Amino acid sequence: AAALCGVKNPAKLLDALIQMASTKNPDVVRQLADMEAKVGIRLREDLANTLGSDITIALDGPTLPSPSWKASVEVNDPARLQETIERLVAAANTEAKQHGKQGIELAKSQSNGRTLYTLKPLDLPGFEPSYSFVDGYLVVASGAPILNRAMRTHDNGNSLNSSNRLPSLVPAD
């Protein structure tokens, strides 16, 4: 099963979500500013503006005992997004240590000439999503084997985007 969606402008979507949230909680803008200062990122500039409009999510195998999944998100600025991810991991580790937890390890490896990153939550063994940047997309999966299979599929030209049937399923605008 797969789902494809598009977002014309992720930064404007973020702005709209913040505006909606602020109608229920007038402090949300201040709270987000405090969080941004604490973490060292700006959600709009460092996250939303790095993303493009295309998003694909797919289940890839059985859902039990743990789901196998993969996703791709168009990325306009992979280097900035990776820097943002690293800052988020560092902030999560600082917060974890303050609560007696181990945090997250961000492991880096090479596979077929690509850099693979694996997030290893040390307090949640067995959950190790992996990701890589491939031809303008962030490709993320529930584990390195699924990520490697997704990248091989892309390299072989058999991805959803190269499907003859896909364009007929996508709305014109």
N, C-alpha and C. Protein backbone atom coordinates (compact mmCIF):
# COMPACT_ATOMS: atom_id res chain seq x y z
N ALA A 1 0.84 -1.17 0.00
CA ALA A 1 0.00 0.00 0.00
C ALA A 1 0.88 1.23 0.00
N ALA A 2 0.49 2.23 -0.78
CA ALA A 2 1.27 3.45 -0.88
C ALA A 2 0.35 4.65 -0.92
N ALA A 3 0.86 5.77 -0.43
CA ALA A 3 0.12 7.03 -0.49
C ALA A 3 1.07 8.10 -1.01
N LEU A 4 0.59 8.86 -1.95
CA LEU A 4 1.36 9.98 -2.49
C LEU A 4 0.59 11.25 -2.19
N CYS A 5 1.31 12.28 -1.82
CA CYS A 5 0.65 13.57 -1.62
C CYS A 5 1.61 14.67 -1.99
N GLY A 6 1.05 15.83 -2.17
CA GLY A 6 1.86 16.99 -2.50
C GLY A 6 1.47 18.16 -1.63
N VAL A 7 2.46 18.97 -1.33
CA VAL A 7 2.26 20.18 -0.55
C VAL A 7 2.87 21.30 -1.38
N LYS A 8 2.06 22.27 -1.77
CA LYS A 8 2.59 23.33 -2.63
C LYS A 8 3.74 24.08 -1.97
N ASN A 9 3.60 24.39 -0.67
CA ASN A 9 4.62 25.15 0.01
C ASN A 9 4.65 24.73 1.48
N PRO A 10 5.61 23.87 1.86
CA PRO A 10 5.66 23.39 3.25
C PRO A 10 5.76 24.51 4.28
N ALA A 11 6.46 25.59 3.96
CA ALA A 11 6.58 26.69 4.92
C ALA A 11 5.23 27.37 5.16
N LYS A 12 4.45 27.55 4.10
CA LYS A 12 3.12 28.14 4.27
C LYS A 12 2.20 27.19 5.02
N LEU A 13 2.36 25.89 4.80
CA LEU A 13 1.58 24.91 5.56
C LEU A 13 1.91 25.01 7.04
N LEU A 14 3.19 25.11 7.37
CA LEU A 14 3.60 25.27 8.76
C LEU A 14 3.00 26.54 9.36
N ASP A 15 3.05 27.64 8.61
CA ASP A 15 2.46 28.89 9.08
C ASP A 15 0.98 28.73 9.38
N ALA A 16 0.27 28.04 8.49
CA ALA A 16 -1.18 27.83 8.67
C ALA A 16 -1.44 26.96 9.90
N LEU A 17 -0.63 25.92 10.10
CA LEU A 17 -0.80 25.06 11.27
C LEU A 17 -0.55 25.84 12.56
N ILE A 18 0.47 26.68 12.56
CA ILE A 18 0.76 27.49 13.74
C ILE A 18 -0.38 28.47 14.01
N GLN A 19 -0.90 29.07 12.94
CA GLN A 19 -2.02 30.00 13.10
C GLN A 19 -3.25 29.28 13.67
N MET A 20 -3.54 28.08 13.15
CA MET A 20 -4.68 27.31 13.66
C MET A 20 -4.46 26.96 15.13
N ALA A 21 -3.25 26.53 15.47
CA ALA A 21 -2.96 26.15 16.86
C ALA A 21 -3.05 27.36 17.78
N SER A 22 -2.68 28.53 17.28
CA SER A 22 -2.71 29.72 18.15
C SER A 22 -4.12 30.20 18.45
N THR A 23 -5.10 29.77 17.65
CA THR A 23 -6.49 30.13 17.99
C THR A 23 -6.96 29.36 19.22
N LYS A 24 -6.42 28.16 19.43
CA LYS A 24 -6.77 27.36 20.62
C LYS A 24 -5.84 27.67 21.79
N ASN A 25 -4.59 28.03 21.47
CA ASN A 25 -3.60 28.31 22.51
C ASN A 25 -2.81 29.56 22.10
N PRO A 26 -3.17 30.72 22.63
CA PRO A 26 -2.51 31.96 22.24
C PRO A 26 -1.00 31.98 22.54
N ASP A 27 -0.54 31.09 23.41
CA ASP A 27 0.90 31.05 23.76
C ASP A 27 1.72 30.20 22.81
N VAL A 28 1.10 29.57 21.81
CA VAL A 28 1.81 28.63 20.96
C VAL A 28 2.98 29.29 20.22
N VAL A 29 2.82 30.52 19.78
CA VAL A 29 3.90 31.19 19.05
C VAL A 29 5.09 31.41 19.98
N ARG A 30 4.83 31.86 21.19
CA ARG A 30 5.91 32.04 22.17
C ARG A 30 6.55 30.71 22.53
N GLN A 31 5.72 29.68 22.73
CA GLN A 31 6.24 28.35 23.07
C GLN A 31 7.13 27.80 21.95
N LEU A 32 6.71 27.99 20.71
CA LEU A 32 7.55 27.55 19.58
C LEU A 32 8.85 28.33 19.52
N ALA A 33 8.79 29.62 19.76
CA ALA A 33 10.00 30.44 19.77
C ALA A 33 10.95 29.98 20.88
N ASP A 34 10.40 29.67 22.05
CA ASP A 34 11.23 29.16 23.15
C ASP A 34 11.88 27.83 22.77
N MET A 35 11.09 26.94 22.16
CA MET A 35 11.61 25.64 21.73
C MET A 35 12.70 25.82 20.67
N GLU A 36 12.46 26.70 19.71
CA GLU A 36 13.47 26.95 18.67
C GLU A 36 14.78 27.45 19.29
N ALA A 37 14.68 28.36 20.25
CA ALA A 37 15.87 28.88 20.91
C ALA A 37 16.60 27.78 21.68
N LYS A 38 15.85 26.95 22.35
CA LYS A 38 16.44 25.87 23.15
C LYS A 38 17.13 24.83 22.26
N VAL A 39 16.48 24.48 21.15
CA VAL A 39 17.00 23.44 20.26
C VAL A 39 18.04 23.98 19.29
N GLY A 40 17.94 25.26 18.96
CA GLY A 40 18.90 25.86 18.03
C GLY A 40 18.51 25.71 16.57
N ILE A 41 17.21 25.59 16.32
CA ILE A 41 16.74 25.54 14.93
C ILE A 41 15.57 26.50 14.77
N ARG A 42 15.29 26.83 13.53
CA ARG A 42 14.10 27.60 13.19
C ARG A 42 13.24 26.70 12.31
N LEU A 43 12.06 26.36 12.80
CA LEU A 43 11.20 25.40 12.11
C LEU A 43 10.95 25.79 10.65
N ARG A 44 10.66 27.05 10.41
CA ARG A 44 10.33 27.49 9.05
C ARG A 44 11.56 27.42 8.15
N GLU A 45 12.65 28.05 8.59
CA GLU A 45 13.85 28.16 7.75
C GLU A 45 14.63 26.85 7.67
N ASP A 46 14.81 26.18 8.80
CA ASP A 46 15.69 25.01 8.85
C ASP A 46 14.99 23.70 8.54
N LEU A 47 13.68 23.69 8.61
CA LEU A 47 12.95 22.45 8.34
C LEU A 47 11.99 22.62 7.16
N ALA A 48 10.98 23.43 7.32
CA ALA A 48 9.95 23.54 6.27
C ALA A 48 10.53 24.03 4.94
N ASN A 49 11.42 25.03 4.97
CA ASN A 49 11.98 25.55 3.72
C ASN A 49 12.94 24.58 3.04
N THR A 50 13.42 23.58 3.76
CA THR A 50 14.33 22.61 3.14
C THR A 50 13.56 21.55 2.34
N LEU A 51 12.25 21.46 2.59
CA LEU A 51 11.45 20.40 1.98
C LEU A 51 10.78 20.88 0.70
N GLY A 52 10.59 19.94 -0.23
CA GLY A 52 9.87 20.22 -1.46
C GLY A 52 8.42 19.82 -1.32
N SER A 53 7.79 19.58 -2.44
CA SER A 53 6.34 19.37 -2.42
C SER A 53 5.91 17.90 -2.46
N ASP A 54 6.76 16.99 -2.89
CA ASP A 54 6.35 15.59 -3.08
C ASP A 54 6.63 14.74 -1.84
N ILE A 55 5.63 13.93 -1.48
CA ILE A 55 5.76 13.01 -0.35
C ILE A 55 5.14 11.68 -0.75
N THR A 56 5.86 10.60 -0.53
CA THR A 56 5.34 9.25 -0.78
C THR A 56 5.60 8.40 0.45
N ILE A 57 4.59 7.67 0.88
CA ILE A 57 4.72 6.77 2.03
C ILE A 57 4.19 5.41 1.61
N ALA A 58 4.90 4.34 1.97
CA ALA A 58 4.46 3.00 1.59
C ALA A 58 4.74 2.00 2.69
N LEU A 59 3.81 1.06 2.84
CA LEU A 59 4.07 -0.10 3.68
C LEU A 59 4.84 -1.08 2.82
N ASP A 60 5.82 -1.75 3.42
CA ASP A 60 6.69 -2.62 2.64
C ASP A 60 6.85 -3.95 3.36
N GLY A 61 5.79 -4.74 3.36
CA GLY A 61 5.87 -6.03 4.01
C GLY A 61 4.87 -6.14 5.14
N PRO A 62 5.08 -7.10 6.01
CA PRO A 62 4.12 -7.35 7.09
C PRO A 62 4.09 -6.20 8.10
N THR A 63 2.94 -6.04 8.73
CA THR A 63 2.83 -5.02 9.76
C THR A 63 3.09 -5.58 11.16
N LEU A 64 3.12 -6.90 11.28
CA LEU A 64 3.40 -7.53 12.57
C LEU A 64 4.63 -8.40 12.46
N PRO A 65 5.48 -8.51 13.41
CA PRO A 65 5.38 -7.91 14.73
C PRO A 65 5.72 -6.42 14.73
N SER A 66 6.45 -5.94 13.74
CA SER A 66 6.68 -4.50 13.63
C SER A 66 6.53 -4.12 12.16
N PRO A 67 5.92 -2.98 11.89
CA PRO A 67 5.65 -2.61 10.50
C PRO A 67 6.92 -2.30 9.72
N SER A 68 6.92 -2.70 8.48
CA SER A 68 7.98 -2.34 7.55
C SER A 68 7.43 -1.22 6.67
N TRP A 69 8.13 -0.12 6.60
CA TRP A 69 7.64 1.03 5.86
C TRP A 69 8.80 1.78 5.23
N LYS A 70 8.45 2.64 4.28
CA LYS A 70 9.43 3.52 3.67
C LYS A 70 8.71 4.77 3.21
N ALA A 71 9.46 5.84 3.07
CA ALA A 71 8.89 7.11 2.65
C ALA A 71 9.95 7.90 1.90
N SER A 72 9.49 8.75 1.01
CA SER A 72 10.40 9.69 0.36
C SER A 72 9.77 11.07 0.40
N VAL A 73 10.61 12.06 0.64
CA VAL A 73 10.16 13.45 0.73
C VAL A 73 11.13 14.26 -0.12
N GLU A 74 10.57 15.03 -1.03
CA GLU A 74 11.42 15.90 -1.84
C GLU A 74 12.15 16.88 -0.93
N VAL A 75 13.43 17.12 -1.23
CA VAL A 75 14.25 17.99 -0.40
C VAL A 75 14.94 19.03 -1.29
N ASN A 76 14.81 20.29 -0.91
CA ASN A 76 15.45 21.38 -1.64
C ASN A 76 16.87 21.66 -1.16
N ASP A 77 17.14 21.35 0.10
CA ASP A 77 18.45 21.66 0.69
C ASP A 77 18.87 20.53 1.63
N PRO A 78 19.40 19.43 1.05
CA PRO A 78 19.76 18.27 1.88
C PRO A 78 20.80 18.58 2.97
N ALA A 79 21.78 19.42 2.67
CA ALA A 79 22.81 19.72 3.66
C ALA A 79 22.20 20.43 4.87
N ARG A 80 21.33 21.38 4.62
CA ARG A 80 20.70 22.10 5.73
C ARG A 80 19.76 21.19 6.52
N LEU A 81 19.03 20.32 5.80
CA LEU A 81 18.14 19.38 6.50
C LEU A 81 18.96 18.43 7.38
N GLN A 82 20.09 17.93 6.87
CA GLN A 82 20.92 17.03 7.67
C GLN A 82 21.45 17.76 8.91
N GLU A 83 21.86 18.99 8.75
CA GLU A 83 22.32 19.79 9.89
C GLU A 83 21.20 19.96 10.91
N THR A 84 19.99 20.17 10.43
CA THR A 84 18.83 20.32 11.32
C THR A 84 18.55 19.02 12.07
N ILE A 85 18.63 17.90 11.35
CA ILE A 85 18.43 16.60 12.00
C ILE A 85 19.47 16.39 13.10
N GLU A 86 20.72 16.73 12.81
CA GLU A 86 21.78 16.57 13.81
C GLU A 86 21.53 17.45 15.04
N ARG A 87 21.04 18.67 14.82
CA ARG A 87 20.72 19.54 15.96
C ARG A 87 19.56 18.98 16.77
N LEU A 88 18.55 18.42 16.08
CA LEU A 88 17.41 17.83 16.78
C LEU A 88 17.84 16.63 17.61
N VAL A 89 18.73 15.81 17.07
CA VAL A 89 19.24 14.65 17.81
C VAL A 89 20.03 15.12 19.04
N ALA A 90 20.87 16.14 18.86
CA ALA A 90 21.64 16.66 19.99
C ALA A 90 20.72 17.21 21.07
N ALA A 91 19.68 17.93 20.67
CA ALA A 91 18.73 18.47 21.64
C ALA A 91 17.97 17.35 22.34
N ALA A 92 17.58 16.33 21.58
CA ALA A 92 16.88 15.18 22.18
C ALA A 92 17.78 14.48 23.18
N ASN A 93 19.07 14.38 22.88
CA ASN A 93 20.00 13.73 23.79
C ASN A 93 20.20 14.54 25.07
N THR A 94 20.25 15.86 24.94
CA THR A 94 20.35 16.72 26.12
C THR A 94 19.13 16.54 27.01
N GLU A 95 17.96 16.55 26.39
CA GLU A 95 16.71 16.36 27.14
C GLU A 95 16.65 14.97 27.76
N ALA A 96 17.07 13.95 27.03
CA ALA A 96 17.05 12.58 27.55
C ALA A 96 17.93 12.45 28.79
N LYS A 97 19.13 13.00 28.71
CA LYS A 97 20.06 12.91 29.84
C LYS A 97 19.50 13.59 31.08
N GLN A 98 18.75 14.68 30.88
CA GLN A 98 18.14 15.37 32.02
C GLN A 98 17.08 14.52 32.69
N HIS A 99 16.57 13.53 31.98
CA HIS A 99 15.53 12.64 32.53
C HIS A 99 16.05 11.22 32.76
N GLY A 100 17.37 11.06 32.82
CA GLY A 100 17.95 9.76 33.10
C GLY A 100 17.84 8.75 31.97
N LYS A 101 17.64 9.22 30.77
CA LYS A 101 17.53 8.33 29.60
C LYS A 101 18.84 8.38 28.81
N GLN A 102 18.99 7.41 27.89
CA GLN A 102 20.23 7.31 27.11
C GLN A 102 20.25 8.18 25.87
N GLY A 103 19.10 8.43 25.26
CA GLY A 103 19.07 9.28 24.08
C GLY A 103 19.09 8.51 22.78
N ILE A 104 19.61 9.17 21.75
CA ILE A 104 19.60 8.63 20.39
C ILE A 104 21.01 8.68 19.82
N GLU A 105 21.41 7.59 19.20
CA GLU A 105 22.67 7.57 18.47
C GLU A 105 22.36 7.78 17.00
N LEU A 106 23.08 8.68 16.35
CA LEU A 106 22.95 8.89 14.91
C LEU A 106 24.18 8.27 14.26
N ALA A 107 24.00 7.08 13.70
CA ALA A 107 25.11 6.34 13.09
C ALA A 107 25.17 6.68 11.60
N LYS A 108 26.38 6.71 11.08
CA LYS A 108 26.61 7.05 9.68
C LYS A 108 27.42 5.92 9.04
N SER A 109 26.98 5.46 7.86
CA SER A 109 27.70 4.41 7.15
C SER A 109 27.61 4.66 5.65
N GLN A 110 28.30 3.84 4.89
CA GLN A 110 28.29 3.96 3.43
C GLN A 110 27.70 2.69 2.84
N SER A 111 26.91 2.86 1.77
CA SER A 111 26.35 1.72 1.05
C SER A 111 26.20 2.11 -0.42
N ASN A 112 26.89 1.39 -1.28
CA ASN A 112 26.83 1.65 -2.72
C ASN A 112 27.09 3.12 -3.06
N GLY A 113 28.07 3.71 -2.40
CA GLY A 113 28.45 5.08 -2.69
C GLY A 113 27.56 6.14 -2.07
N ARG A 114 26.61 5.75 -1.26
CA ARG A 114 25.70 6.70 -0.61
C ARG A 114 25.92 6.67 0.90
N THR A 115 25.69 7.82 1.52
CA THR A 115 25.77 7.89 2.97
C THR A 115 24.42 7.51 3.54
N LEU A 116 24.43 6.55 4.45
CA LEU A 116 23.23 6.11 5.16
C LEU A 116 23.34 6.57 6.60
N TYR A 117 22.23 7.05 7.12
CA TYR A 117 22.16 7.45 8.52
C TYR A 117 21.14 6.55 9.20
N THR A 118 21.45 6.12 10.41
CA THR A 118 20.52 5.31 11.18
C THR A 118 20.33 5.96 12.54
N LEU A 119 19.07 6.17 12.88
CA LEU A 119 18.72 6.70 14.19
C LEU A 119 18.48 5.53 15.12
N LYS A 120 19.26 5.45 16.20
CA LYS A 120 19.15 4.34 17.14
C LYS A 120 18.73 4.87 18.50
N PRO A 121 17.41 4.88 18.78
CA PRO A 121 16.97 5.30 20.12
C PRO A 121 17.44 4.26 21.14
N LEU A 122 18.38 4.65 21.98
CA LEU A 122 19.01 3.71 22.90
C LEU A 122 18.07 3.19 23.98
N ASP A 123 16.98 3.91 24.21
CA ASP A 123 15.99 3.46 25.19
C ASP A 123 14.84 2.70 24.54
N LEU A 124 14.92 2.50 23.24
CA LEU A 124 13.87 1.81 22.50
C LEU A 124 14.53 0.83 21.52
N PRO A 125 15.12 -0.25 22.03
CA PRO A 125 15.83 -1.18 21.16
C PRO A 125 14.91 -1.79 20.10
N GLY A 126 15.49 -2.02 18.92
CA GLY A 126 14.74 -2.65 17.85
C GLY A 126 14.12 -1.66 16.88
N PHE A 127 13.99 -0.40 17.26
CA PHE A 127 13.45 0.63 16.38
C PHE A 127 14.63 1.45 15.86
N GLU A 128 15.01 1.23 14.61
CA GLU A 128 16.17 1.91 14.05
C GLU A 128 15.90 2.39 12.63
N PRO A 129 15.13 3.47 12.47
CA PRO A 129 14.89 3.98 11.13
C PRO A 129 16.18 4.48 10.49
N SER A 130 16.29 4.27 9.19
CA SER A 130 17.46 4.68 8.43
C SER A 130 17.03 5.62 7.32
N TYR A 131 17.96 6.50 6.90
CA TYR A 131 17.63 7.40 5.81
C TYR A 131 18.87 7.75 5.01
N SER A 132 18.63 8.25 3.81
CA SER A 132 19.68 8.73 2.93
C SER A 132 19.09 9.79 2.02
N PHE A 133 19.94 10.56 1.41
CA PHE A 133 19.50 11.56 0.43
C PHE A 133 19.81 11.01 -0.97
N VAL A 134 18.77 10.91 -1.81
CA VAL A 134 18.90 10.28 -3.12
C VAL A 134 18.23 11.15 -4.17
N ASP A 135 19.02 11.72 -5.07
CA ASP A 135 18.49 12.46 -6.21
C ASP A 135 17.41 13.47 -5.83
N GLY A 136 17.68 14.29 -4.82
CA GLY A 136 16.75 15.34 -4.43
C GLY A 136 15.65 14.89 -3.48
N TYR A 137 15.78 13.70 -2.92
CA TYR A 137 14.77 13.18 -1.99
C TYR A 137 15.45 12.67 -0.73
N LEU A 138 14.74 12.83 0.38
CA LEU A 138 15.09 12.15 1.61
C LEU A 138 14.32 10.83 1.56
N VAL A 139 15.04 9.73 1.57
CA VAL A 139 14.41 8.42 1.57
C VAL A 139 14.65 7.83 2.94
N VAL A 140 13.56 7.48 3.62
CA VAL A 140 13.65 6.98 4.99
C VAL A 140 12.86 5.67 5.07
N ALA A 141 13.35 4.75 5.88
CA ALA A 141 12.69 3.45 6.00
C ALA A 141 12.81 2.93 7.43
N SER A 142 12.01 1.92 7.71
CA SER A 142 11.99 1.36 9.06
C SER A 142 13.28 0.63 9.42
N GLY A 143 14.17 0.45 8.49
CA GLY A 143 15.47 -0.17 8.75
C GLY A 143 16.36 -0.09 7.54
N ALA A 144 17.66 -0.32 7.74
CA ALA A 144 18.62 -0.23 6.64
C ALA A 144 18.35 -1.21 5.50
N PRO A 145 17.95 -2.46 5.77
CA PRO A 145 17.68 -3.36 4.64
C PRO A 145 16.56 -2.85 3.72
N ILE A 146 15.51 -2.30 4.29
CA ILE A 146 14.41 -1.78 3.48
C ILE A 146 14.85 -0.52 2.74
N LEU A 147 15.65 0.31 3.39
CA LEU A 147 16.18 1.50 2.74
C LEU A 147 17.05 1.10 1.55
N ASN A 148 17.94 0.15 1.75
CA ASN A 148 18.81 -0.29 0.65
C ASN A 148 17.99 -0.87 -0.51
N ARG A 149 16.94 -1.62 -0.20
CA ARG A 149 16.08 -2.17 -1.25
C ARG A 149 15.36 -1.05 -2.01
N ALA A 150 14.90 -0.04 -1.28
CA ALA A 150 14.22 1.10 -1.93
C ALA A 150 15.18 1.85 -2.84
N MET A 151 16.43 2.01 -2.42
CA MET A 151 17.41 2.72 -3.26
C MET A 151 17.78 1.89 -4.49
N ARG A 152 17.87 0.57 -4.33
CA ARG A 152 18.13 -0.30 -5.50
C ARG A 152 16.97 -0.22 -6.48
N THR A 153 15.75 -0.23 -5.96
CA THR A 153 14.57 -0.10 -6.83
C THR A 153 14.63 1.20 -7.61
N HIS A 154 14.98 2.29 -6.94
CA HIS A 154 15.12 3.59 -7.60
C HIS A 154 16.20 3.53 -8.68
N ASP A 155 17.35 2.96 -8.31
CA ASP A 155 18.47 2.89 -9.26
C ASP A 155 18.13 2.06 -10.49
N ASN A 156 17.27 1.05 -10.32
CA ASN A 156 16.87 0.20 -11.44
C ASN A 156 15.73 0.80 -12.27
N GLY A 157 15.22 1.95 -11.85
CA GLY A 157 14.16 2.62 -12.60
C GLY A 157 12.78 2.05 -12.37
N ASN A 158 12.59 1.33 -11.28
CA ASN A 158 11.29 0.70 -11.01
C ASN A 158 10.50 1.39 -9.90
N SER A 159 10.75 2.66 -9.66
CA SER A 159 10.07 3.35 -8.57
C SER A 159 8.66 3.75 -8.97
N LEU A 160 7.87 4.17 -7.98
CA LEU A 160 6.50 4.64 -8.25
C LEU A 160 6.51 5.80 -9.24
N ASN A 161 7.49 6.68 -9.12
CA ASN A 161 7.53 7.85 -10.01
C ASN A 161 7.77 7.47 -11.46
N SER A 162 8.35 6.31 -11.72
CA SER A 162 8.57 5.89 -13.10
C SER A 162 7.46 4.98 -13.62
N SER A 163 6.45 4.76 -12.81
CA SER A 163 5.33 3.92 -13.20
C SER A 163 4.54 4.56 -14.34
N ASN A 164 4.12 3.77 -15.32
CA ASN A 164 3.31 4.29 -16.41
C ASN A 164 1.91 4.66 -15.92
N ARG A 165 1.42 4.00 -14.88
CA ARG A 165 0.07 4.20 -14.39
C ARG A 165 -0.05 5.39 -13.44
N LEU A 166 1.03 5.73 -12.75
CA LEU A 166 0.98 6.79 -11.74
C LEU A 166 0.48 8.13 -12.28
N PRO A 167 1.00 8.64 -13.40
CA PRO A 167 0.53 9.97 -13.85
C PRO A 167 -0.99 10.04 -14.05
N SER A 168 -1.62 8.95 -14.42
CA SER A 168 -3.07 8.98 -14.63
C SER A 168 -3.82 9.04 -13.30
N LEU A 169 -3.17 8.72 -12.19
CA LEU A 169 -3.82 8.74 -10.88
C LEU A 169 -3.66 10.08 -10.16
N VAL A 170 -2.72 10.90 -10.63
CA VAL A 170 -2.42 12.15 -9.95
C VAL A 170 -3.31 13.27 -10.53
N PRO A 171 -3.97 14.06 -9.67
CA PRO A 171 -4.78 15.18 -10.16
C PRO A 171 -3.94 16.18 -10.96
N ALA A 172 -4.59 16.89 -11.86
CA ALA A 172 -3.89 17.82 -12.75
C ALA A 172 -3.17 18.94 -12.00
N ASP A 173 -3.73 19.41 -10.90
CA ASP A 173 -3.08 20.51 -10.19
C ASP A 173 -2.84 20.17 -8.73
